[in-house]
């Protein structure tokens, strides 16, 4: 399965055309943050700035997304804190937390 990537300009264009269903911000285990764009067609694309797909700080990624026109993201953490410390995982999938973005990030 190939991974689609979406640049800043592609994200701006998709937002203007109302093609974006939602934007997910993923916390990655011990290495930073990534973003996935889910289009209304169901296609999932990884947000990329040049070759960069992982950010080590959430603030700069959120500022960049805001500059592209994103006004809210859904926070998803594939591995929960409970799983990291050895507790059993939840049986139901986590829906994510809606996080509005502000101009200052």
C-alpha atoms as a PDB file:
ATOM      1  CA  UNK A   1       0.000   0.000   0.000  1.00  0.00           C
ATOM      2  CA  UNK A   2       1.463   3.348  -0.999  1.00  0.00           C
ATOM      3  CA  UNK A   3       1.327   6.334   1.331  1.00  0.00           C
ATOM      4  CA  UNK A   4      -0.022   9.508  -0.209  1.00  0.00           C
ATOM      5  CA  UNK A   5       1.574  12.755   0.914  1.00  0.00           C
ATOM      6  CA  UNK A   6      -0.049  16.170   0.944  1.00  0.00           C
ATOM      7  CA  UNK A   7       2.002  19.369   0.794  1.00  0.00           C
ATOM      8  CA  UNK A   8       1.041  22.753   2.264  1.00  0.00           C
ATOM      9  CA  UNK A   9      -0.194  24.012  -1.093  1.00  0.00           C
ATOM     10  CA  UNK A  10      -2.197  20.828  -1.728  1.00  0.00           C
ATOM     11  CA  UNK A  11      -3.770  21.092   1.720  1.00  0.00           C
ATOM     12  CA  UNK A  12      -4.724  24.746   1.115  1.00  0.00           C
ATOM     13  CA  UNK A  13      -6.281  23.804  -2.225  1.00  0.00           C
ATOM     14  CA  UNK A  14      -8.203  20.856  -0.745  1.00  0.00           C
ATOM     15  CA  UNK A  15      -9.522  23.018   2.110  1.00  0.00           C
ATOM     16  CA  UNK A  16     -10.710  25.726  -0.304  1.00  0.00           C
ATOM     17  CA  UNK A  17     -12.530  23.103  -2.366  1.00  0.00           C
ATOM     18  CA  UNK A  18     -14.117  21.626   0.794  1.00  0.00           C
ATOM     19  CA  UNK A  19     -12.527  18.233   0.119  1.00  0.00           C
ATOM     20  CA  UNK A  20     -11.151  17.712   3.637  1.00  0.00           C
ATOM     21  CA  UNK A  21     -13.230  15.717   6.110  1.00  0.00           C
ATOM     22  CA  UNK A  22     -10.811  16.091   9.016  1.00  0.00           C
ATOM     23  CA  UNK A  23      -7.181  16.526   9.977  1.00  0.00           C
ATOM     24  CA  UNK A  24      -5.655  14.170  12.543  1.00  0.00           C
ATOM     25  CA  UNK A  25      -2.673  15.063  14.715  1.00  0.00           C
ATOM     26  CA  UNK A  26      -0.887  11.904  15.851  1.00  0.00           C
ATOM     27  CA  UNK A  27       1.395  11.664  18.853  1.00  0.00           C
ATOM     28  CA  UNK A  28       4.127   9.193  17.952  1.00  0.00           C
ATOM     29  CA  UNK A  29       5.853   7.084  20.558  1.00  0.00           C
ATOM     30  CA  UNK A  30       9.078   8.845  21.581  1.00  0.00           C
ATOM     31  CA  UNK A  31       9.704  10.623  18.284  1.00  0.00           C
ATOM     32  CA  UNK A  32       7.280  13.506  17.781  1.00  0.00           C
ATOM     33  CA  UNK A  33       4.114  14.270  15.865  1.00  0.00           C
ATOM     34  CA  UNK A  34       2.656  13.644  12.426  1.00  0.00           C
ATOM     35  CA  UNK A  35      -0.510  14.727  10.659  1.00  0.00           C
ATOM     36  CA  UNK A  36      -2.915  12.823   8.451  1.00  0.00           C
ATOM     37  CA  UNK A  37      -5.487  14.456   6.194  1.00  0.00           C
ATOM     38  CA  UNK A  38      -8.692  12.505   5.588  1.00  0.00           C
ATOM     39  CA  UNK A  39     -10.545  13.646   2.498  1.00  0.00           C
ATOM     40  CA  UNK A  40     -14.302  13.342   2.005  1.00  0.00           C
ATOM     41  CA  UNK A  41     -13.575  10.673  -0.620  1.00  0.00           C
ATOM     42  CA  UNK A  42     -11.994   8.527   2.119  1.00  0.00           C
ATOM     43  CA  UNK A  43      -8.430   8.969   0.921  1.00  0.00           C
ATOM     44  CA  UNK A  44      -5.835   9.383   3.700  1.00  0.00           C
ATOM     45  CA  UNK A  45      -2.714  11.448   3.043  1.00  0.00           C
ATOM     46  CA  UNK A  46       0.226  12.156   5.300  1.00  0.00           C
ATOM     47  CA  UNK A  47       0.941  15.883   5.626  1.00  0.00           C
ATOM     48  CA  UNK A  48       4.475  16.698   4.474  1.00  0.00           C
ATOM     49  CA  UNK A  49       6.540  19.862   4.273  1.00  0.00           C
ATOM     50  CA  UNK A  50       9.228  19.012   1.748  1.00  0.00           C
ATOM     51  CA  UNK A  51      10.459  15.603   2.911  1.00  0.00           C
ATOM     52  CA  UNK A  52       9.502  16.261   6.508  1.00  0.00           C
ATOM     53  CA  UNK A  53       6.597  14.169   7.824  1.00  0.00           C
ATOM     54  CA  UNK A  54       7.485  14.122  11.555  1.00  0.00           C
ATOM     55  CA  UNK A  55       7.815  17.189  13.798  1.00  0.00           C
ATOM     56  CA  UNK A  56       9.569  17.055  17.155  1.00  0.00           C
ATOM     57  CA  UNK A  57       7.367  19.787  18.654  1.00  0.00           C
ATOM     58  CA  UNK A  58       3.636  20.151  18.408  1.00  0.00           C
ATOM     59  CA  UNK A  59       3.648  23.971  18.383  1.00  0.00           C
ATOM     60  CA  UNK A  60       5.497  24.415  15.085  1.00  0.00           C
ATOM     61  CA  UNK A  61       3.340  21.777  13.394  1.00  0.00           C
ATOM     62  CA  UNK A  62       0.128  23.424  14.619  1.00  0.00           C
ATOM     63  CA  UNK A  63       1.332  26.852  13.434  1.00  0.00           C
ATOM     64  CA  UNK A  64       2.114  25.436   9.990  1.00  0.00           C
ATOM     65  CA  UNK A  65      -1.298  23.747   9.773  1.00  0.00           C
ATOM     66  CA  UNK A  66      -3.002  26.995  10.803  1.00  0.00           C
ATOM     67  CA  UNK A  67      -1.070  28.858   8.087  1.00  0.00           C
ATOM     68  CA  UNK A  68      -2.429  26.323   5.586  1.00  0.00           C
ATOM     69  CA  UNK A  69      -6.002  27.087   6.665  1.00  0.00           C
ATOM     70  CA  UNK A  70      -6.643  24.282   9.165  1.00  0.00           C
ATOM     71  CA  UNK A  71      -8.724  25.563  12.090  1.00  0.00           C
ATOM     72  CA  UNK A  72      -9.068  22.358  14.100  1.00  0.00           C
ATOM     73  CA  UNK A  73      -7.392  18.976  14.377  1.00  0.00           C
ATOM     74  CA  UNK A  74      -8.357  15.719  16.028  1.00  0.00           C
ATOM     75  CA  UNK A  75      -5.704  14.543  18.472  1.00  0.00           C
ATOM     76  CA  UNK A  76      -5.028  10.830  18.169  1.00  0.00           C
ATOM     77  CA  UNK A  77      -2.490   8.893  20.154  1.00  0.00           C
ATOM     78  CA  UNK A  78      -2.026   5.391  18.695  1.00  0.00           C
ATOM     79  CA  UNK A  79      -0.465   4.102  21.908  1.00  0.00           C
ATOM     80  CA  UNK A  80      -2.224   5.175  25.084  1.00  0.00           C
ATOM     81  CA  UNK A  81      -0.423   6.071  28.292  1.00  0.00           C
ATOM     82  CA  UNK A  82      -1.993   2.994  29.882  1.00  0.00           C
ATOM     83  CA  UNK A  83      -0.455   0.752  27.233  1.00  0.00           C
ATOM     84  CA  UNK A  84       2.957   2.400  27.705  1.00  0.00           C
ATOM     85  CA  UNK A  85       2.947   1.551  31.417  1.00  0.00           C
ATOM     86  CA  UNK A  86       1.625  -1.981  30.923  1.00  0.00           C
ATOM     87  CA  UNK A  87      -2.125  -1.673  31.538  1.00  0.00           C
ATOM     88  CA  UNK A  88      -4.452  -3.377  29.044  1.00  0.00           C
ATOM     89  CA  UNK A  89      -5.554  -1.338  26.057  1.00  0.00           C
ATOM     90  CA  UNK A  90      -9.116  -0.077  25.661  1.00  0.00           C
ATOM     91  CA  UNK A  91     -11.393  -2.421  23.770  1.00  0.00           C
ATOM     92  CA  UNK A  92     -13.154   0.357  21.876  1.00  0.00           C
ATOM     93  CA  UNK A  93     -11.252   2.569  19.422  1.00  0.00           C
ATOM     94  CA  UNK A  94     -10.576   6.071  20.681  1.00  0.00           C
ATOM     95  CA  UNK A  95     -12.403   8.719  18.640  1.00  0.00           C
ATOM     96  CA  UNK A  96      -9.884  11.468  19.251  1.00  0.00           C
ATOM     97  CA  UNK A  97     -10.037  14.836  20.915  1.00  0.00           C
ATOM     98  CA  UNK A  98     -11.125  17.879  18.888  1.00  0.00           C
ATOM     99  CA  UNK A  99      -8.510  20.632  19.298  1.00  0.00           C
ATOM    100  CA  UNK A 100      -9.255  24.075  17.821  1.00  0.00           C
ATOM    101  CA  UNK A 101      -6.162  25.832  16.460  1.00  0.00           C
ATOM    102  CA  UNK A 102      -5.467  29.454  17.296  1.00  0.00           C
ATOM    103  CA  UNK A 103      -3.399  31.921  15.316  1.00  0.00           C
ATOM    104  CA  UNK A 104      -0.534  31.680  17.817  1.00  0.00           C
ATOM    105  CA  UNK A 105      -0.474  27.868  17.582  1.00  0.00           C
END
